[in-house]
PDB file of N, CA and C in Angstrom:
ATOM      1  N   MET A   1       0.842  -1.178   0.000  1.00  0.00           N
ATOM      2  CA  MET A   1       0.000   0.000   0.000  1.00  0.00           C
ATOM      3  C   MET A   1       0.884   1.237   0.000  1.00  0.00           C
ATOM      4  N   ALA A   2       0.563   2.201  -0.830  1.00  0.00           N
ATOM      5  CA  ALA A   2       1.335   3.437  -0.922  1.00  0.00           C
ATOM      6  C   ALA A   2       0.610   4.561  -0.206  1.00  0.00           C
ATOM      7  N   SER A   3       1.374   5.506   0.294  1.00  0.00           N
ATOM      8  CA  SER A   3       0.800   6.697   0.894  1.00  0.00           C
ATOM      9  C   SER A   3       1.748   7.860   0.641  1.00  0.00           C
ATOM     10  N   VAL A   4       1.236   9.063   0.742  1.00  0.00           N
ATOM     11  CA  VAL A   4       2.067  10.245   0.559  1.00  0.00           C
ATOM     12  C   VAL A   4       2.990  10.367   1.767  1.00  0.00           C
ATOM     13  N   GLY A   5       4.280  10.542   1.520  1.00  0.00           N
ATOM     14  CA  GLY A   5       5.249  10.659   2.604  1.00  0.00           C
ATOM     15  C   GLY A   5       5.298  12.048   3.210  1.00  0.00           C
ATOM     16  N   TYR A   6       5.453  13.047   2.339  1.00  0.00           N
ATOM     17  CA  TYR A   6       5.453  14.429   2.804  1.00  0.00           C
ATOM     18  C   TYR A   6       5.218  15.352   1.625  1.00  0.00           C
ATOM     19  N   VAL A   7       4.893  16.602   1.954  1.00  0.00           N
ATOM     20  CA  VAL A   7       4.661  17.648   0.967  1.00  0.00           C
ATOM     21  C   VAL A   7       5.620  18.789   1.281  1.00  0.00           C
ATOM     22  N   CYS A   8       6.190  19.406   0.247  1.00  0.00           N
ATOM     23  CA  CYS A   8       7.082  20.559   0.422  1.00  0.00           C
ATOM     24  C   CYS A   8       6.373  21.838   0.013  1.00  0.00           C
ATOM     25  N   LEU A   9       6.550  22.878   0.824  1.00  0.00           N
ATOM     26  CA  LEU A   9       6.056  24.210   0.495  1.00  0.00           C
ATOM     27  C   LEU A   9       7.243  25.168   0.530  1.00  0.00           C
ATOM     28  N   GLY A  10       7.427  25.917  -0.550  1.00  0.00           N
ATOM     29  CA  GLY A  10       8.559  26.833  -0.644  1.00  0.00           C
ATOM     30  C   GLY A  10       8.351  28.096   0.168  1.00  0.00           C
ATOM     31  N   ALA A  11       9.455  28.630   0.665  1.00  0.00           N
ATOM     32  CA  ALA A  11       9.429  29.857   1.465  1.00  0.00           C
ATOM     33  C   ALA A  11      10.538  30.792   1.005  1.00  0.00           C
ATOM     34  N   ASN A  12      10.218  32.076   0.940  1.00  0.00           N
ATOM     35  CA  ASN A  12      11.226  33.088   0.610  1.00  0.00           C
ATOM     36  C   ASN A  12      11.856  33.685   1.862  1.00  0.00           C
ATOM     37  N   ASP A  13      11.084  33.876   2.900  1.00  0.00           N
ATOM     38  CA  ASP A  13      11.593  34.357   4.184  1.00  0.00           C
ATOM     39  C   ASP A  13      11.418  33.191   5.159  1.00  0.00           C
ATOM     40  N   PHE A  14      12.455  32.389   5.278  1.00  0.00           N
ATOM     41  CA  PHE A  14      12.374  31.127   6.011  1.00  0.00           C
ATOM     42  C   PHE A  14      11.965  31.314   7.466  1.00  0.00           C
ATOM     43  N   ASP A  15      12.538  32.287   8.150  1.00  0.00           N
ATOM     44  CA  ASP A  15      12.199  32.506   9.562  1.00  0.00           C
ATOM     45  C   ASP A  15      10.739  32.916   9.719  1.00  0.00           C
ATOM     46  N   ARG A  16      10.256  33.785   8.857  1.00  0.00           N
ATOM     47  CA  ARG A  16       8.859  34.210   8.898  1.00  0.00           C
ATOM     48  C   ARG A  16       7.936  33.030   8.602  1.00  0.00           C
ATOM     49  N   ALA A  17       8.300  32.220   7.610  1.00  0.00           N
ATOM     50  CA  ALA A  17       7.484  31.055   7.241  1.00  0.00           C
ATOM     51  C   ALA A  17       7.436  30.030   8.374  1.00  0.00           C
ATOM     52  N   THR A  18       8.573  29.742   8.994  1.00  0.00           N
ATOM     53  CA  THR A  18       8.558  28.734  10.063  1.00  0.00           C
ATOM     54  C   THR A  18       7.822  29.249  11.303  1.00  0.00           C
ATOM     55  N   ALA A  19       7.861  30.544  11.565  1.00  0.00           N
ATOM     56  CA  ALA A  19       7.069  31.089  12.678  1.00  0.00           C
ATOM     57  C   ALA A  19       5.576  30.893  12.385  1.00  0.00           C
ATOM     58  N   PHE A  20       5.156  31.138  11.135  1.00  0.00           N
ATOM     59  CA  PHE A  20       3.764  30.930  10.717  1.00  0.00           C
ATOM     60  C   PHE A  20       3.378  29.463  10.911  1.00  0.00           C
ATOM     61  N   TYR A  21       4.192  28.544  10.423  1.00  0.00           N
ATOM     62  CA  TYR A  21       3.861  27.120  10.503  1.00  0.00           C
ATOM     63  C   TYR A  21       4.026  26.548  11.907  1.00  0.00           C
ATOM     64  N   ASP A  22       4.945  27.072  12.701  1.00  0.00           N
ATOM     65  CA  ASP A  22       5.016  26.653  14.110  1.00  0.00           C
ATOM     66  C   ASP A  22       3.665  26.881  14.778  1.00  0.00           C
ATOM     67  N   ALA A  23       3.115  28.081  14.589  1.00  0.00           N
ATOM     68  CA  ALA A  23       1.848  28.439  15.232  1.00  0.00           C
ATOM     69  C   ALA A  23       0.668  27.720  14.579  1.00  0.00           C
ATOM     70  N   LEU A  24       0.626  27.698  13.253  1.00  0.00           N
ATOM     71  CA  LEU A  24      -0.516  27.100  12.556  1.00  0.00           C
ATOM     72  C   LEU A  24      -0.574  25.589  12.776  1.00  0.00           C
ATOM     73  N   LEU A  25       0.523  24.907  12.539  1.00  0.00           N
ATOM     74  CA  LEU A  25       0.511  23.446  12.690  1.00  0.00           C
ATOM     75  C   LEU A  25       0.411  23.050  14.153  1.00  0.00           C
ATOM     76  N   GLY A  26       0.937  23.876  15.055  1.00  0.00           N
ATOM     77  CA  GLY A  26       0.767  23.639  16.483  1.00  0.00           C
ATOM     78  C   GLY A  26      -0.702  23.645  16.870  1.00  0.00           C
ATOM     79  N   GLU A  27      -1.504  24.446  16.177  1.00  0.00           N
ATOM     80  CA  GLU A  27      -2.944  24.506  16.401  1.00  0.00           C
ATOM     81  C   GLU A  27      -3.607  23.158  16.108  1.00  0.00           C
ATOM     82  N   MET A  28      -2.956  22.345  15.274  1.00  0.00           N
ATOM     83  CA  MET A  28      -3.490  21.033  14.881  1.00  0.00           C
ATOM     84  C   MET A  28      -2.710  19.885  15.506  1.00  0.00           C
ATOM     85  N   GLY A  29      -1.896  20.180  16.502  1.00  0.00           N
ATOM     86  CA  GLY A  29      -1.107  19.134  17.146  1.00  0.00           C
ATOM     87  C   GLY A  29       0.188  18.806  16.427  1.00  0.00           C
ATOM     88  N   GLY A  30       0.563  19.629  15.456  1.00  0.00           N
ATOM     89  CA  GLY A  30       1.801  19.403  14.714  1.00  0.00           C
ATOM     90  C   GLY A  30       3.014  19.932  15.463  1.00  0.00           C
ATOM     91  N   LYS A  31       4.171  19.335  15.155  1.00  0.00           N
ATOM     92  CA  LYS A  31       5.421  19.725  15.816  1.00  0.00           C
ATOM     93  C   LYS A  31       6.571  19.682  14.822  1.00  0.00           C
ATOM     94  N   ARG A  32       7.585  20.467  15.125  1.00  0.00           N
ATOM     95  CA  ARG A  32       8.824  20.376  14.346  1.00  0.00           C
ATOM     96  C   ARG A  32       9.375  18.963  14.497  1.00  0.00           C
ATOM     97  N   LEU A  33       9.773  18.380  13.374  1.00  0.00           N
ATOM     98  CA  LEU A  33      10.330  17.034  13.402  1.00  0.00           C
ATOM     99  C   LEU A  33      11.847  17.087  13.298  1.00  0.00           C
ATOM    100  N   MET A  34      12.354  17.735  12.237  1.00  0.00           N
ATOM    101  CA  MET A  34      13.805  17.803  12.059  1.00  0.00           C
ATOM    102  C   MET A  34      14.156  18.842  11.008  1.00  0.00           C
ATOM    103  N   PRO A  35      15.347  19.413  11.132  1.00  0.00           N
ATOM    104  CA  PRO A  35      15.814  20.302  10.073  1.00  0.00           C
ATOM    105  C   PRO A  35      16.309  19.464   8.896  1.00  0.00           C
ATOM    106  N   THR A  36      16.287  20.054   7.718  1.00  0.00           N
ATOM    107  CA  THR A  36      16.862  19.441   6.524  1.00  0.00           C
ATOM    108  C   THR A  36      17.898  20.420   5.980  1.00  0.00           C
ATOM    109  N   PRO A  37      18.692  20.036   4.997  1.00  0.00           N
ATOM    110  CA  PRO A  37      19.686  20.981   4.474  1.00  0.00           C
ATOM    111  C   PRO A  37      19.091  22.291   3.957  1.00  0.00           C
ATOM    112  N   HIS A  38      17.843  22.252   3.478  1.00  0.00           N
ATOM    113  CA  HIS A  38      17.220  23.463   2.928  1.00  0.00           C
ATOM    114  C   HIS A  38      15.978  23.899   3.674  1.00  0.00           C
ATOM    115  N   GLY A  39      15.554  23.143   4.687  1.00  0.00           N
ATOM    116  CA  GLY A  39      14.292  23.497   5.310  1.00  0.00           C
ATOM    117  C   GLY A  39      14.065  22.878   6.667  1.00  0.00           C
ATOM    118  N   LEU A  40      12.794  22.712   6.976  1.00  0.00           N
ATOM    119  CA  LEU A  40      12.374  22.186   8.269  1.00  0.00           C
ATOM    120  C   LEU A  40      11.170  21.283   8.053  1.00  0.00           C
ATOM    121  N   MET A  41      11.238  20.069   8.592  1.00  0.00           N
ATOM    122  CA  MET A  41      10.162  19.096   8.472  1.00  0.00           C
ATOM    123  C   MET A  41       9.290  19.152   9.720  1.00  0.00           C
ATOM    124  N   TYR A  42       7.981  19.136   9.495  1.00  0.00           N
ATOM    125  CA  TYR A  42       6.986  19.084  10.574  1.00  0.00           C
ATOM    126  C   TYR A  42       6.246  17.759  10.474  1.00  0.00           C
ATOM    127  N   ARG A  43       5.764  17.263  11.620  1.00  0.00           N
ATOM    128  CA  ARG A  43       4.900  16.086  11.634  1.00  0.00           C
ATOM    129  C   ARG A  43       3.594  16.473  12.304  1.00  0.00           C
ATOM    130  N   LEU A  44       2.482  16.157  11.636  1.00  0.00           N
ATOM    131  CA  LEU A  44       1.165  16.369  12.213  1.00  0.00           C
ATOM    132  C   LEU A  44       0.820  15.200  13.123  1.00  0.00           C
ATOM    133  N   ALA A  45      -0.167  15.379  13.974  1.00  0.00           N
ATOM    134  CA  ALA A  45      -0.587  14.318  14.880  1.00  0.00           C
ATOM    135  C   ALA A  45      -0.978  13.056  14.112  1.00  0.00           C
ATOM    136  N   SER A  46      -1.463  13.208  12.887  1.00  0.00           N
ATOM    137  CA  SER A  46      -1.870  12.068  12.059  1.00  0.00           C
ATOM    138  C   SER A  46      -0.681  11.283  11.531  1.00  0.00           C
ATOM    139  N   GLY A  47       0.522  11.861  11.616  1.00  0.00           N
ATOM    140  CA  GLY A  47       1.712  11.236  11.060  1.00  0.00           C
ATOM    141  C   GLY A  47       2.130  11.849   9.738  1.00  0.00           C
ATOM    142  N   ALA A  48       1.237  12.613   9.104  1.00  0.00           N
ATOM    143  CA  ALA A  48       1.578  13.282   7.854  1.00  0.00           C
ATOM    144  C   ALA A  48       2.699  14.284   8.106  1.00  0.00           C
ATOM    145  N   MET A  49       3.535  14.496   7.085  1.00  0.00           N
ATOM    146  CA  MET A  49       4.661  15.420   7.234  1.00  0.00           C
ATOM    147  C   MET A  49       4.603  16.523   6.178  1.00  0.00           C
ATOM    148  N   ILE A  50       5.033  17.711   6.592  1.00  0.00           N
ATOM    149  CA  ILE A  50       5.094  18.882   5.725  1.00  0.00           C
ATOM    150  C   ILE A  50       6.480  19.491   5.894  1.00  0.00           C
ATOM    151  N   MET A  51       7.154  19.756   4.777  1.00  0.00           N
ATOM    152  CA  MET A  51       8.458  20.408   4.848  1.00  0.00           C
ATOM    153  C   MET A  51       8.341  21.822   4.311  1.00  0.00           C
ATOM    154  N   ILE A  52       8.790  22.785   5.088  1.00  0.00           N
ATOM    155  CA  ILE A  52       8.904  24.173   4.654  1.00  0.00           C
ATOM    156  C   ILE A  52      10.347  24.319   4.197  1.00  0.00           C
ATOM    157  N   THR A  53      10.522  24.749   2.953  1.00  0.00           N
ATOM    158  CA  THR A  53      11.862  24.679   2.375  1.00  0.00           C
ATOM    159  C   THR A  53      12.235  25.909   1.564  1.00  0.00           C
ATOM    160  N   ARG A  54      13.503  26.188   1.571  1.00  0.00           N
ATOM    161  CA  ARG A  54      14.067  27.152   0.635  1.00  0.00           C
ATOM    162  C   ARG A  54      14.234  26.379  -0.677  1.00  0.00           C
ATOM    163  N   PRO A  55      13.905  26.958  -1.824  1.00  0.00           N
ATOM    164  CA  PRO A  55      14.061  26.215  -3.074  1.00  0.00           C
ATOM    165  C   PRO A  55      15.509  25.761  -3.295  1.00  0.00           C
ATOM    166  N   TYR A  56      15.652  24.538  -3.734  1.00  0.00           N
ATOM    167  CA  TYR A  56      16.969  23.960  -3.963  1.00  0.00           C
ATOM    168  C   TYR A  56      17.735  24.679  -5.058  1.00  0.00           C
ATOM    169  N   ASN A  57      17.023  25.248  -6.042  1.00  0.00           N
ATOM    170  CA  ASN A  57      17.707  25.945  -7.139  1.00  0.00           C
ATOM    171  C   ASN A  57      18.075  27.376  -6.777  1.00  0.00           C
ATOM    172  N   GLU A  58      17.805  27.771  -5.538  1.00  0.00           N
ATOM    173  CA  GLU A  58      18.134  29.095  -5.003  1.00  0.00           C
ATOM    174  C   GLU A  58      17.404  30.240  -5.723  1.00  0.00           C
ATOM    175  N   GLN A  59      16.352  29.922  -6.461  1.00  0.00           N
ATOM    176  CA  GLN A  59      15.501  30.922  -7.092  1.00  0.00           C
ATOM    177  C   GLN A  59      14.365  31.242  -6.120  1.00  0.00           C
ATOM    178  N   PRO A  60      13.624  32.334  -6.333  1.00  0.00           N
ATOM    179  CA  PRO A  60      12.512  32.655  -5.432  1.00  0.00           C
ATOM    180  C   PRO A  60      11.458  31.538  -5.409  1.00  0.00           C
ATOM    181  N   ALA A  61      10.915  31.304  -4.237  1.00  0.00           N
ATOM    182  CA  ALA A  61       9.799  30.366  -4.101  1.00  0.00           C
ATOM    183  C   ALA A  61       8.566  31.015  -4.698  1.00  0.00           C
ATOM    184  N   THR A  62       7.790  30.261  -5.442  1.00  0.00           N
ATOM    185  CA  THR A  62       6.538  30.744  -5.999  1.00  0.00           C
ATOM    186  C   THR A  62       5.433  29.745  -5.657  1.00  0.00           C
ATOM    187  N   ALA A  63       4.227  30.242  -5.546  1.00  0.00           N
ATOM    188  CA  ALA A  63       3.079  29.376  -5.248  1.00  0.00           C
ATOM    189  C   ALA A  63       2.711  28.576  -6.486  1.00  0.00           C
ATOM    190  N   SER A  64       2.310  27.362  -6.282  1.00  0.00           N
ATOM    191  CA  SER A  64       1.884  26.491  -7.367  1.00  0.00           C
ATOM    192  C   SER A  64       0.558  26.962  -7.934  1.00  0.00           C
ATOM    193  N   ASN A  65       0.474  27.060  -9.237  1.00  0.00           N
ATOM    194  CA  ASN A  65      -0.779  27.424  -9.886  1.00  0.00           C
ATOM    195  C   ASN A  65      -1.624  26.164 -10.024  1.00  0.00           C
ATOM    196  N   GLY A  66      -2.668  26.064  -9.226  1.00  0.00           N
ATOM    197  CA  GLY A  66      -3.513  24.882  -9.230  1.00  0.00           C
ATOM    198  C   GLY A  66      -3.159  23.889  -8.145  1.00  0.00           C
ATOM    199  N   GLY A  67      -2.044  24.105  -7.459  1.00  0.00           N
ATOM    200  CA  GLY A  67      -1.640  23.214  -6.378  1.00  0.00           C
ATOM    201  C   GLY A  67      -2.231  23.651  -5.048  1.00  0.00           C
ATOM    202  N   MET A  68      -2.474  22.683  -4.177  1.00  0.00           N
ATOM    203  CA  MET A  68      -3.030  22.991  -2.862  1.00  0.00           C
ATOM    204  C   MET A  68      -2.723  21.828  -1.932  1.00  0.00           C
ATOM    205  N   LEU A  69      -2.428  22.141  -0.687  1.00  0.00           N
ATOM    206  CA  LEU A  69      -2.266  21.146   0.364  1.00  0.00           C
ATOM    207  C   LEU A  69      -3.540  21.147   1.191  1.00  0.00           C
ATOM    208  N   ALA A  70      -4.196  20.002   1.326  1.00  0.00           N
ATOM    209  CA  ALA A  70      -5.425  19.884   2.113  1.00  0.00           C
ATOM    210  C   ALA A  70      -5.126  19.044   3.353  1.00  0.00           C
ATOM    211  N   ILE A  71      -5.490  19.571   4.509  1.00  0.00           N
ATOM    212  CA  ILE A  71      -5.222  18.912   5.786  1.00  0.00           C
ATOM    213  C   ILE A  71      -6.541  18.544   6.448  1.00  0.00           C
ATOM    214  N   ALA A  72      -6.721  17.257   6.744  1.00  0.00           N
ATOM    215  CA  ALA A  72      -7.931  16.783   7.421  1.00  0.00           C
ATOM    216  C   ALA A  72      -7.836  17.101   8.905  1.00  0.00           C
ATOM    217  N   VAL A  73      -8.926  17.609   9.456  1.00  0.00           N
ATOM    218  CA  VAL A  73      -9.022  17.886  10.891  1.00  0.00           C
ATOM    219  C   VAL A  73     -10.205  17.114  11.461  1.00  0.00           C
ATOM    220  N   ASP A  74     -10.337  17.127  12.780  1.00  0.00           N
ATOM    221  CA  ASP A  74     -11.288  16.252  13.461  1.00  0.00           C
ATOM    222  C   ASP A  74     -12.742  16.711  13.473  1.00  0.00           C
ATOM    223  N   SER A  75     -12.998  17.992  13.238  1.00  0.00           N
ATOM    224  CA  SER A  75     -14.382  18.479  13.338  1.00  0.00           C
ATOM    225  C   SER A  75     -14.555  19.732  12.494  1.00  0.00           C
ATOM    226  N   LYS A  76     -15.824  20.091  12.249  1.00  0.00           N
ATOM    227  CA  LYS A  76     -16.074  21.328  11.511  1.00  0.00           C
ATOM    228  C   LYS A  76     -15.671  22.540  12.348  1.00  0.00           C
ATOM    229  N   GLU A  77     -15.709  22.410  13.667  1.00  0.00           N
ATOM    230  CA  GLU A  77     -15.237  23.502  14.532  1.00  0.00           C
ATOM    231  C   GLU A  77     -13.731  23.710  14.350  1.00  0.00           C
ATOM    232  N   ASP A  78     -12.995  22.613  14.163  1.00  0.00           N
ATOM    233  CA  ASP A  78     -11.555  22.718  13.905  1.00  0.00           C
ATOM    234  C   ASP A  78     -11.292  23.423  12.581  1.00  0.00           C
ATOM    235  N   VAL A  79     -12.138  23.171  11.582  1.00  0.00           N
ATOM    236  CA  VAL A  79     -11.988  23.851  10.285  1.00  0.00           C
ATOM    237  C   VAL A  79     -12.021  25.361  10.503  1.00  0.00           C
ATOM    238  N   ALA A  80     -13.022  25.838  11.216  1.00  0.00           N
ATOM    239  CA  ALA A  80     -13.164  27.275  11.462  1.00  0.00           C
ATOM    240  C   ALA A  80     -12.020  27.809  12.319  1.00  0.00           C
ATOM    241  N   ARG A  81     -11.620  27.061  13.326  1.00  0.00           N
ATOM    242  CA  ARG A  81     -10.556  27.499  14.245  1.00  0.00           C
ATOM    243  C   ARG A  81      -9.215  27.624  13.522  1.00  0.00           C
ATOM    244  N   VAL A  82      -8.868  26.623  12.730  1.00  0.00           N
ATOM    245  CA  VAL A  82      -7.581  26.650  12.018  1.00  0.00           C
ATOM    246  C   VAL A  82      -7.581  27.743  10.949  1.00  0.00           C
ATOM    247  N   HIS A  83      -8.690  27.909  10.248  1.00  0.00           N
ATOM    248  CA  HIS A  83      -8.794  28.981   9.254  1.00  0.00           C
ATOM    249  C   HIS A  83      -8.597  30.339   9.921  1.00  0.00           C
ATOM    250  N   ALA A  84      -9.250  30.560  11.043  1.00  0.00           N
ATOM    251  CA  ALA A  84      -9.106  31.825  11.774  1.00  0.00           C
ATOM    252  C   ALA A  84      -7.667  32.031  12.229  1.00  0.00           C
ATOM    253  N   LYS A  85      -7.014  30.970  12.679  1.00  0.00           N
ATOM    254  CA  LYS A  85      -5.618  31.062  13.121  1.00  0.00           C
ATOM    255  C   LYS A  85      -4.725  31.465  11.954  1.00  0.00           C
ATOM    256  N   ALA A  86      -4.934  30.856  10.783  1.00  0.00           N
ATOM    257  CA  ALA A  86      -4.131  31.196   9.606  1.00  0.00           C
ATOM    258  C   ALA A  86      -4.279  32.673   9.259  1.00  0.00           C
ATOM    259  N   LEU A  87      -5.498  33.184   9.310  1.00  0.00           N
ATOM    260  CA  LEU A  87      -5.718  34.602   8.998  1.00  0.00           C
ATOM    261  C   LEU A  87      -5.095  35.501  10.058  1.00  0.00           C
ATOM    262  N   ALA A  88      -5.190  35.104  11.327  1.00  0.00           N
ATOM    263  CA  ALA A  88      -4.591  35.889  12.410  1.00  0.00           C
ATOM    264  C   ALA A  88      -3.068  35.945  12.280  1.00  0.00           C
ATOM    265  N   LEU A  89      -2.475  34.922  11.669  1.00  0.00           N
ATOM    266  CA  LEU A  89      -1.028  34.867  11.472  1.00  0.00           C
ATOM    267  C   LEU A  89      -0.573  35.608  10.212  1.00  0.00           C
ATOM    268  N   GLY A  90      -1.524  36.191   9.476  1.00  0.00           N
ATOM    269  CA  GLY A  90      -1.180  36.953   8.280  1.00  0.00           C
ATOM    270  C   GLY A  90      -1.515  36.257   6.980  1.00  0.00           C
ATOM    271  N   GLY A  91      -2.096  35.063   7.040  1.00  0.00           N
ATOM    272  CA  GLY A  91      -2.549  34.385   5.831  1.00  0.00           C
ATOM    273  C   GLY A  91      -3.733  35.123   5.227  1.00  0.00           C
ATOM    274  N   THR A  92      -4.071  34.788   3.991  1.00  0.00           N
ATOM    275  CA  THR A  92      -5.199  35.436   3.319  1.00  0.00           C
ATOM    276  C   THR A  92      -6.290  34.406   3.018  1.00  0.00           C
ATOM    277  N   CYS A  93      -7.524  34.851   3.125  1.00  0.00           N
ATOM    278  CA  CYS A  93      -8.680  33.978   2.927  1.00  0.00           C
ATOM    279  C   CYS A  93      -8.869  33.659   1.447  1.00  0.00           C
ATOM    280  N   GLU A  94      -9.070  32.380   1.156  1.00  0.00           N
ATOM    281  CA  GLU A  94      -9.402  31.923  -0.191  1.00  0.00           C
ATOM    282  C   GLU A  94     -10.758  31.238  -0.209  1.00  0.00           C
ATOM    283  N   GLY A  95     -11.437  31.207   0.926  1.00  0.00           N
ATOM    284  CA  GLY A  95     -12.753  30.585   1.023  1.00  0.00           C
ATOM    285  C   GLY A  95     -13.121  30.375   2.477  1.00  0.00           C
ATOM    286  N   GLU A  96     -14.166  31.043   2.906  1.00  0.00           N
ATOM    287  CA  GLU A  96     -14.615  30.965   4.303  1.00  0.00           C
ATOM    288  C   GLU A  96     -15.019  29.543   4.673  1.00  0.00           C
ATOM    289  N   PRO A  97     -14.931  29.187   5.958  1.00  0.00           N
ATOM    290  CA  PRO A  97     -15.390  27.869   6.399  1.00  0.00           C
ATOM    291  C   PRO A  97     -16.860  27.655   6.071  1.00  0.00           C
ATOM    292  N   GLY A  98     -17.155  26.466   5.620  1.00  0.00           N
ATOM    293  CA  GLY A  98     -18.538  26.130   5.323  1.00  0.00           C
ATOM    294  C   GLY A  98     -18.635  24.814   4.587  1.00  0.00           C
ATOM    295  N   PRO A  99     -19.855  24.332   4.421  1.00  0.00           N
ATOM    296  CA  PRO A  99     -20.046  23.063   3.729  1.00  0.00           C
ATOM    297  C   PRO A  99     -19.739  23.201   2.243  1.00  0.00           C
ATOM    298  N   ARG A 100     -19.185  22.159   1.675  1.00  0.00           N
ATOM    299  CA  ARG A 100     -18.911  22.095   0.238  1.00  0.00           C
ATOM    300  C   ARG A 100     -19.605  20.841  -0.300  1.00  0.00           C
ATOM    301  N   GLY A 101     -20.849  21.015  -0.683  1.00  0.00           N
ATOM    302  CA  GLY A 101     -21.638  19.899  -1.188  1.00  0.00           C
ATOM    303  C   GLY A 101     -21.732  18.783  -0.161  1.00  0.00           C
ATOM    304  N   ALA A 102     -21.690  17.571  -0.637  1.00  0.00           N
ATOM    305  CA  ALA A 102     -21.768  16.400   0.246  1.00  0.00           C
ATOM    306  C   ALA A 102     -20.401  15.995   0.771  1.00  0.00           C
ATOM    307  N   PHE A 103     -19.369  16.783   0.478  1.00  0.00           N
ATOM    308  CA  PHE A 103     -18.006  16.403   0.837  1.00  0.00           C
ATOM    309  C   PHE A 103     -17.634  16.718   2.272  1.00  0.00           C
ATOM    310  N   GLY A 104     -18.288  17.689   2.874  1.00  0.00           N
ATOM    311  CA  GLY A 104     -17.977  18.051   4.245  1.00  0.00           C
ATOM    312  C   GLY A 104     -17.745  19.539   4.401  1.00  0.00           C
ATOM    313  N   GLU A 105     -17.087  19.892   5.478  1.00  0.00           N
ATOM    314  CA  GLU A 105     -16.799  21.280   5.839  1.00  0.00           C
ATOM    315  C   GLU A 105     -15.376  21.607   5.389  1.00  0.00           C
ATOM    316  N   PHE A 106     -15.216  22.698   4.661  1.00  0.00           N
ATOM    317  CA  PHE A 106     -13.911  23.097   4.139  1.00  0.00           C
ATOM    318  C   PHE A 106     -13.673  24.579   4.394  1.00  0.00           C
ATOM    319  N   ALA A 107     -12.406  24.971   4.442  1.00  0.00           N
ATOM    320  CA  ALA A 107     -11.990  26.370   4.454  1.00  0.00           C
ATOM    321  C   ALA A 107     -10.655  26.454   3.719  1.00  0.00           C
ATOM    322  N   TYR A 108     -10.409  27.590   3.080  1.00  0.00           N
ATOM    323  CA  TYR A 108      -9.221  27.750   2.249  1.00  0.00           C
ATOM    324  C   TYR A 108      -8.490  29.035   2.612  1.00  0.00           C
ATOM    325  N   PHE A 109      -7.162  28.977   2.540  1.00  0.00           N
ATOM    326  CA  PHE A 109      -6.352  30.162   2.803  1.00  0.00           C
ATOM    327  C   PHE A 109      -4.998  30.022   2.123  1.00  0.00           C
ATOM    328  N   ARG A 110      -4.283  31.135   2.035  1.00  0.00           N
ATOM    329  CA  ARG A 110      -2.910  31.146   1.523  1.00  0.00           C
ATOM    330  C   ARG A 110      -1.969  31.535   2.654  1.00  0.00           C
ATOM    331  N   ASP A 111      -0.801  30.915   2.646  1.00  0.00           N
ATOM    332  CA  ASP A 111       0.207  31.252   3.647  1.00  0.00           C
ATOM    333  C   ASP A 111       0.920  32.540   3.244  1.00  0.00           C
ATOM    334  N   LEU A 112       1.980  32.891   3.936  1.00  0.00           N
ATOM    335  CA  LEU A 112       2.671  34.160   3.713  1.00  0.00           C
ATOM    336  C   LEU A 112       3.413  34.213   2.381  1.00  0.00           C
ATOM    337  N   ASP A 113       3.678  33.050   1.771  1.00  0.00           N
ATOM    338  CA  ASP A 113       4.341  32.991   0.470  1.00  0.00           C
ATOM    339  C   ASP A 113       3.364  32.726  -0.667  1.00  0.00           C
ATOM    340  N   GLY A 114       2.067  32.684  -0.362  1.00  0.00           N
ATOM    341  CA  GLY A 114       1.058  32.480  -1.387  1.00  0.00           C
ATOM    342  C   GLY A 114       0.685  31.028  -1.644  1.00  0.00           C
ATOM    343  N   ASN A 115       1.250  30.084  -0.885  1.00  0.00           N
ATOM    344  CA  ASN A 115       0.872  28.683  -1.030  1.00  0.00           C
ATOM    345  C   ASN A 115      -0.561  28.496  -0.548  1.00  0.00           C
ATOM    346  N   LYS A 116      -1.373  27.774  -1.324  1.00  0.00           N
ATOM    347  CA  LYS A 116      -2.772  27.567  -0.968  1.00  0.00           C
ATOM    348  C   LYS A 116      -2.923  26.296  -0.136  1.00  0.00           C
ATOM    349  N   LEU A 117      -3.670  26.431   0.964  1.00  0.00           N
ATOM    350  CA  LEU A 117      -3.975  25.311   1.835  1.00  0.00           C
ATOM    351  C   LEU A 117      -5.472  25.241   2.071  1.00  0.00           C
ATOM    352  N   ALA A 118      -5.928  24.044   2.395  1.00  0.00           N
ATOM    353  CA  ALA A 118      -7.308  23.837   2.799  1.00  0.00           C
ATOM    354  C   ALA A 118      -7.281  23.038   4.092  1.00  0.00           C
ATOM    355  N   VAL A 119      -8.257  23.282   4.937  1.00  0.00           N
ATOM    356  CA  VAL A 119      -8.521  22.400   6.076  1.00  0.00           C
ATOM    357  C   VAL A 119      -9.933  21.882   5.877  1.00  0.00           C
ATOM    358  N   PHE A 120     -10.140  20.609   6.203  1.00  0.00           N
ATOM    359  CA  PHE A 120     -11.455  20.040   5.955  1.00  0.00           C
ATOM    360  C   PHE A 120     -11.792  18.958   6.971  1.00  0.00           C
ATOM    361  N   HIS A 121     -13.092  18.784   7.132  1.00  0.00           N
ATOM    362  CA  HIS A 121     -13.634  17.670   7.924  1.00  0.00           C
ATOM    363  C   HIS A 121     -14.616  16.963   7.009  1.00  0.00           C
ATOM    364  N   SER A 122     -14.314  15.717   6.695  1.00  0.00           N
ATOM    365  CA  SER A 122     -15.127  14.959   5.769  1.00  0.00           C
ATOM    366  C   SER A 122     -16.455  14.547   6.386  1.00  0.00           C
ATOM    367  N   ALA A 123     -17.502  14.684   5.599  1.00  0.00           N
ATOM    368  CA  ALA A 123     -18.837  14.278   6.043  1.00  0.00           C
ATOM    369  C   ALA A 123     -19.004  12.767   5.934  1.00  0.00           C
ATOM    370  N   ARG A 124     -18.095  12.110   5.292  1.00  0.00           N
ATOM    371  CA  ARG A 124     -18.189  10.663   5.071  1.00  0.00           C
ATOM    372  C   ARG A 124     -17.498   9.877   6.142  1.00  0.00           C
TER     373      ARG A 124
END
């Protein structure tokens, strides 16, 4: 059986980005796991990992066009709480918390470098 090992998100101001993710992922039970040569790996309570990284080619980090990291949380209240935390940390809203069809409760935001994230609680 295969599973996603980790996801990388590029950062231009590494200290600012890791302060954002320390607080945001901490809101979901996430913790710093280990430094890497170009970044910092986090582990969520679920075991999923996210690496905040300086681009290896030393060019500016840019947000993926059409790319998004979606993080499952335990309740629709968590969706709203994490979305609010992201905005309080300087993230920008890409979609208020609320139901998305029969799929569940979702909210969308961008981090300080423009990377798009979603938090969701599945109705299934």
